[in-house]
Amino acid sequence: MLSQDFEFHILELPKFTKTLNQLDSGLDLWLYFLRFAEKIDTATLPTALQQPSILRAMEELKMLTQTDIERERYEARLKSRFDCDSWEGNALRRGQ
C-alpha cells in the first residue's frame, strides 16, 4: 500500500471489448474512446460519445494528428484567442 489516499489502477485497453451499445459508465466511455479513437469518425460522432469531456478530447486529438503547418495555424489561433481574452480582462479591470 502506497498510502490510504492513493489508489493505482491498471487498465488494459486490448482487453476492453464492449461495443457502443454496451457502454454504461463514464469509465466505459473513456476506455472506448482511448481504444478506438483513431477509428471514430468525428463528423458523425456516436451519441453515446457526445459528452463535453470526450468532445474536448476529440478536438485535442484532431489537433495532434494535423500536419505541422496545420498545427501551427491552430496554435496561433488559440494564442490569439487567449491574448484577446487577456486584453479584454485587463480593460475591464482598469474600467476602460
N, C-alpha and C. Protein backbone atom coordinates (compact mmCIF):
# COMPACT_ATOMS: atom_id res chain seq x y z
N MET A 1 0.85 -1.17 0.00
CA MET A 1 0.00 0.00 0.00
C MET A 1 0.90 1.24 0.00
N LEU A 2 0.62 2.14 -0.97
CA LEU A 2 1.41 3.38 -1.04
C LEU A 2 0.96 4.38 0.00
N SER A 3 -0.34 4.53 0.12
CA SER A 3 -0.91 5.37 1.16
C SER A 3 -2.41 5.11 1.20
N GLN A 4 -3.09 5.60 2.23
CA GLN A 4 -4.53 5.38 2.34
C GLN A 4 -5.30 6.28 1.37
N ASP A 5 -4.66 7.33 0.87
CA ASP A 5 -5.31 8.30 0.00
C ASP A 5 -4.98 8.10 -1.48
N PHE A 6 -4.29 7.07 -1.82
CA PHE A 6 -3.82 6.88 -3.18
C PHE A 6 -4.15 5.49 -3.66
N GLU A 7 -4.75 5.41 -4.85
CA GLU A 7 -5.03 4.11 -5.46
C GLU A 7 -4.37 4.07 -6.83
N PHE A 8 -4.00 2.91 -7.25
CA PHE A 8 -3.35 2.73 -8.54
C PHE A 8 -4.12 1.66 -9.29
N HIS A 9 -4.58 1.98 -10.49
CA HIS A 9 -5.33 1.03 -11.31
C HIS A 9 -4.64 0.84 -12.64
N ILE A 10 -4.64 -0.36 -13.14
CA ILE A 10 -4.08 -0.65 -14.45
C ILE A 10 -5.25 -1.05 -15.35
N LEU A 11 -5.39 -0.34 -16.45
CA LEU A 11 -6.46 -0.61 -17.40
C LEU A 11 -5.82 -1.11 -18.70
N GLU A 12 -6.16 -2.32 -19.09
CA GLU A 12 -5.58 -2.91 -20.29
C GLU A 12 -6.55 -2.71 -21.45
N LEU A 13 -6.23 -1.75 -22.31
CA LEU A 13 -7.13 -1.42 -23.41
C LEU A 13 -7.41 -2.59 -24.36
N PRO A 14 -6.45 -3.42 -24.69
CA PRO A 14 -6.77 -4.54 -25.58
C PRO A 14 -7.83 -5.49 -25.02
N LYS A 15 -7.97 -5.52 -23.72
CA LYS A 15 -8.97 -6.40 -23.11
C LYS A 15 -10.36 -5.76 -23.04
N PHE A 16 -10.45 -4.48 -23.39
CA PHE A 16 -11.75 -3.81 -23.38
C PHE A 16 -12.46 -4.14 -24.68
N THR A 17 -13.58 -4.85 -24.58
CA THR A 17 -14.25 -5.35 -25.78
C THR A 17 -15.71 -4.91 -25.90
N LYS A 18 -16.14 -3.97 -25.06
CA LYS A 18 -17.53 -3.54 -25.13
C LYS A 18 -17.79 -2.77 -26.43
N THR A 19 -19.04 -2.88 -26.91
CA THR A 19 -19.46 -2.12 -28.08
C THR A 19 -20.11 -0.83 -27.61
N LEU A 20 -20.43 0.06 -28.55
CA LEU A 20 -21.08 1.33 -28.21
C LEU A 20 -22.36 1.12 -27.42
N ASN A 21 -23.13 0.12 -27.79
CA ASN A 21 -24.41 -0.15 -27.12
C ASN A 21 -24.24 -0.68 -25.70
N GLN A 22 -23.07 -1.16 -25.37
CA GLN A 22 -22.84 -1.75 -24.05
C GLN A 22 -22.21 -0.78 -23.06
N LEU A 23 -21.88 0.43 -23.48
CA LEU A 23 -21.24 1.39 -22.59
C LEU A 23 -22.23 1.86 -21.54
N ASP A 24 -21.87 1.69 -20.27
CA ASP A 24 -22.82 2.06 -19.21
C ASP A 24 -22.21 2.89 -18.08
N SER A 25 -20.98 3.37 -18.27
CA SER A 25 -20.38 4.22 -17.24
C SER A 25 -19.40 5.19 -17.90
N GLY A 26 -19.00 6.18 -17.13
CA GLY A 26 -18.01 7.14 -17.62
C GLY A 26 -16.69 6.46 -17.95
N LEU A 27 -16.32 5.49 -17.14
CA LEU A 27 -15.08 4.75 -17.39
C LEU A 27 -15.17 4.01 -18.73
N ASP A 28 -16.32 3.39 -18.99
CA ASP A 28 -16.52 2.69 -20.26
C ASP A 28 -16.37 3.65 -21.44
N LEU A 29 -16.93 4.85 -21.31
CA LEU A 29 -16.83 5.84 -22.40
C LEU A 29 -15.37 6.17 -22.70
N TRP A 30 -14.61 6.42 -21.64
CA TRP A 30 -13.21 6.77 -21.82
C TRP A 30 -12.39 5.60 -22.37
N LEU A 31 -12.66 4.42 -21.87
CA LEU A 31 -11.93 3.25 -22.38
C LEU A 31 -12.24 3.04 -23.86
N TYR A 32 -13.51 3.20 -24.24
CA TYR A 32 -13.90 3.05 -25.64
C TYR A 32 -13.19 4.11 -26.48
N PHE A 33 -13.22 5.35 -26.00
CA PHE A 33 -12.56 6.43 -26.74
C PHE A 33 -11.07 6.15 -26.90
N LEU A 34 -10.40 5.79 -25.83
CA LEU A 34 -8.96 5.55 -25.90
C LEU A 34 -8.62 4.37 -26.80
N ARG A 35 -9.46 3.37 -26.79
CA ARG A 35 -9.21 2.16 -27.59
C ARG A 35 -9.49 2.39 -29.07
N PHE A 36 -10.56 3.13 -29.39
CA PHE A 36 -11.00 3.22 -30.78
C PHE A 36 -10.95 4.63 -31.37
N ALA A 37 -10.28 5.56 -30.73
CA ALA A 37 -10.28 6.96 -31.17
C ALA A 37 -9.84 7.12 -32.63
N GLU A 38 -8.87 6.36 -33.04
CA GLU A 38 -8.38 6.52 -34.42
C GLU A 38 -9.39 6.06 -35.46
N LYS A 39 -10.37 5.25 -35.05
CA LYS A 39 -11.37 4.74 -35.99
C LYS A 39 -12.68 5.53 -35.94
N ILE A 40 -12.82 6.42 -34.96
CA ILE A 40 -14.07 7.17 -34.79
C ILE A 40 -14.12 8.30 -35.81
N ASP A 41 -15.24 8.39 -36.52
CA ASP A 41 -15.45 9.48 -37.47
C ASP A 41 -15.95 10.69 -36.70
N THR A 42 -15.15 11.73 -36.66
CA THR A 42 -15.50 12.91 -35.86
C THR A 42 -16.71 13.65 -36.44
N ALA A 43 -16.96 13.49 -37.73
CA ALA A 43 -18.11 14.17 -38.35
C ALA A 43 -19.43 13.53 -37.92
N THR A 44 -19.39 12.25 -37.63
CA THR A 44 -20.61 11.54 -37.20
C THR A 44 -20.35 10.83 -35.88
N LEU A 45 -20.00 11.61 -34.88
CA LEU A 45 -19.68 11.08 -33.57
C LEU A 45 -20.92 10.40 -32.97
N PRO A 46 -20.79 9.15 -32.54
CA PRO A 46 -21.94 8.45 -31.94
C PRO A 46 -22.50 9.22 -30.75
N THR A 47 -23.80 9.13 -30.57
CA THR A 47 -24.49 9.85 -29.50
C THR A 47 -23.90 9.54 -28.13
N ALA A 48 -23.55 8.30 -27.90
CA ALA A 48 -23.01 7.90 -26.60
C ALA A 48 -21.73 8.66 -26.26
N LEU A 49 -20.97 9.07 -27.28
CA LEU A 49 -19.69 9.74 -27.05
C LEU A 49 -19.81 11.26 -27.07
N GLN A 50 -20.99 11.78 -27.21
CA GLN A 50 -21.17 13.23 -27.27
C GLN A 50 -21.27 13.82 -25.87
N GLN A 51 -20.21 13.63 -25.11
CA GLN A 51 -20.07 14.17 -23.76
C GLN A 51 -19.05 15.30 -23.83
N PRO A 52 -19.21 16.36 -23.04
CA PRO A 52 -18.29 17.50 -23.13
C PRO A 52 -16.81 17.12 -23.02
N SER A 53 -16.47 16.24 -22.11
CA SER A 53 -15.06 15.89 -21.94
C SER A 53 -14.54 15.08 -23.13
N ILE A 54 -15.37 14.21 -23.67
CA ILE A 54 -14.97 13.42 -24.84
C ILE A 54 -14.82 14.34 -26.06
N LEU A 55 -15.73 15.30 -26.21
CA LEU A 55 -15.65 16.25 -27.33
C LEU A 55 -14.37 17.07 -27.25
N ARG A 56 -13.98 17.49 -26.05
CA ARG A 56 -12.72 18.22 -25.88
C ARG A 56 -11.53 17.33 -26.24
N ALA A 57 -11.59 16.09 -25.84
CA ALA A 57 -10.50 15.15 -26.16
C ALA A 57 -10.42 14.93 -27.67
N MET A 58 -11.57 14.88 -28.34
CA MET A 58 -11.58 14.72 -29.80
C MET A 58 -10.92 15.92 -30.47
N GLU A 59 -11.19 17.12 -29.96
CA GLU A 59 -10.57 18.33 -30.52
C GLU A 59 -9.05 18.27 -30.35
N GLU A 60 -8.60 17.85 -29.18
CA GLU A 60 -7.15 17.73 -28.94
C GLU A 60 -6.55 16.67 -29.86
N LEU A 61 -7.25 15.57 -30.03
CA LEU A 61 -6.75 14.51 -30.90
C LEU A 61 -6.64 15.00 -32.34
N LYS A 62 -7.65 15.75 -32.80
CA LYS A 62 -7.59 16.30 -34.15
C LYS A 62 -6.38 17.22 -34.29
N MET A 63 -6.13 18.04 -33.28
CA MET A 63 -5.01 18.96 -33.32
C MET A 63 -3.68 18.20 -33.37
N LEU A 64 -3.57 17.15 -32.58
CA LEU A 64 -2.31 16.40 -32.52
C LEU A 64 -2.01 15.64 -33.80
N THR A 65 -3.04 15.28 -34.56
CA THR A 65 -2.83 14.49 -35.76
C THR A 65 -2.70 15.35 -37.02
N GLN A 66 -2.74 16.67 -36.87
CA GLN A 66 -2.59 17.55 -38.01
C GLN A 66 -1.13 17.61 -38.46
N THR A 67 -0.94 18.13 -39.67
CA THR A 67 0.42 18.35 -40.15
C THR A 67 1.03 19.49 -39.35
N ASP A 68 2.31 19.68 -39.47
CA ASP A 68 2.99 20.74 -38.73
C ASP A 68 2.40 22.12 -39.05
N ILE A 69 2.14 22.38 -40.32
CA ILE A 69 1.60 23.69 -40.71
C ILE A 69 0.20 23.88 -40.13
N GLU A 70 -0.65 22.86 -40.23
CA GLU A 70 -2.00 22.96 -39.67
C GLU A 70 -1.95 23.16 -38.16
N ARG A 71 -1.03 22.46 -37.49
CA ARG A 71 -0.90 22.58 -36.04
C ARG A 71 -0.44 23.99 -35.66
N GLU A 72 0.51 24.54 -36.41
CA GLU A 72 0.98 25.90 -36.13
C GLU A 72 -0.15 26.91 -36.30
N ARG A 73 -0.97 26.74 -37.33
CA ARG A 73 -2.11 27.64 -37.53
C ARG A 73 -3.10 27.52 -36.38
N TYR A 74 -3.37 26.30 -35.96
CA TYR A 74 -4.29 26.07 -34.85
C TYR A 74 -3.76 26.75 -33.58
N GLU A 75 -2.48 26.54 -33.29
CA GLU A 75 -1.90 27.11 -32.09
C GLU A 75 -1.87 28.64 -32.15
N ALA A 76 -1.66 29.20 -33.35
CA ALA A 76 -1.68 30.66 -33.50
C ALA A 76 -3.08 31.21 -33.24
N ARG A 77 -4.11 30.52 -33.75
CA ARG A 77 -5.49 30.95 -33.48
C ARG A 77 -5.80 30.87 -31.99
N LEU A 78 -5.37 29.79 -31.35
CA LEU A 78 -5.60 29.61 -29.92
C LEU A 78 -4.89 30.70 -29.12
N LYS A 79 -3.64 31.00 -29.47
CA LYS A 79 -2.90 32.05 -28.78
C LYS A 79 -3.58 33.40 -28.97
N SER A 80 -4.05 33.67 -30.17
CA SER A 80 -4.74 34.92 -30.45
C SER A 80 -5.99 35.06 -29.59
N ARG A 81 -6.74 33.96 -29.46
CA ARG A 81 -7.95 33.99 -28.64
C ARG A 81 -7.61 34.25 -27.17
N PHE A 82 -6.55 33.59 -26.67
CA PHE A 82 -6.13 33.81 -25.28
C PHE A 82 -5.67 35.24 -25.07
N ASP A 83 -4.92 35.77 -26.04
CA ASP A 83 -4.45 37.16 -25.94
C ASP A 83 -5.63 38.12 -25.90
N CYS A 84 -6.61 37.91 -26.77
CA CYS A 84 -7.78 38.78 -26.82
C CYS A 84 -8.55 38.73 -25.49
N ASP A 85 -8.72 37.52 -24.95
CA ASP A 85 -9.40 37.38 -23.65
C ASP A 85 -8.63 38.11 -22.56
N SER A 86 -7.31 38.05 -22.62
CA SER A 86 -6.47 38.71 -21.62
C SER A 86 -6.61 40.23 -21.73
N TRP A 87 -6.59 40.75 -22.96
CA TRP A 87 -6.72 42.20 -23.16
C TRP A 87 -8.08 42.68 -22.66
N GLU A 88 -9.13 41.91 -22.96
CA GLU A 88 -10.47 42.30 -22.50
C GLU A 88 -10.54 42.29 -20.98
N GLY A 89 -9.95 41.29 -20.37
CA GLY A 89 -9.94 41.21 -18.91
C GLY A 89 -9.20 42.36 -18.28
N ASN A 90 -8.05 42.74 -18.88
CA ASN A 90 -7.30 43.87 -18.36
C ASN A 90 -8.08 45.16 -18.51
N ALA A 91 -8.74 45.33 -19.65
CA ALA A 91 -9.54 46.55 -19.88
C ALA A 91 -10.68 46.63 -18.87
N LEU A 92 -11.33 45.51 -18.57
CA LEU A 92 -12.42 45.51 -17.60
C LEU A 92 -11.92 45.86 -16.20
N ARG A 93 -10.75 45.35 -15.84
CA ARG A 93 -10.20 45.66 -14.51
C ARG A 93 -9.83 47.14 -14.40
N ARG A 94 -9.38 47.74 -15.49
CA ARG A 94 -9.00 49.14 -15.48
C ARG A 94 -10.21 50.05 -15.65
N GLY A 95 -11.34 49.49 -16.04
CA GLY A 95 -12.55 50.29 -16.20
C GLY A 95 -12.59 51.01 -17.53
N GLN A 96 -11.96 50.44 -18.54
CA GLN A 96 -11.93 51.10 -19.86
C GLN A 96 -12.97 50.51 -20.78
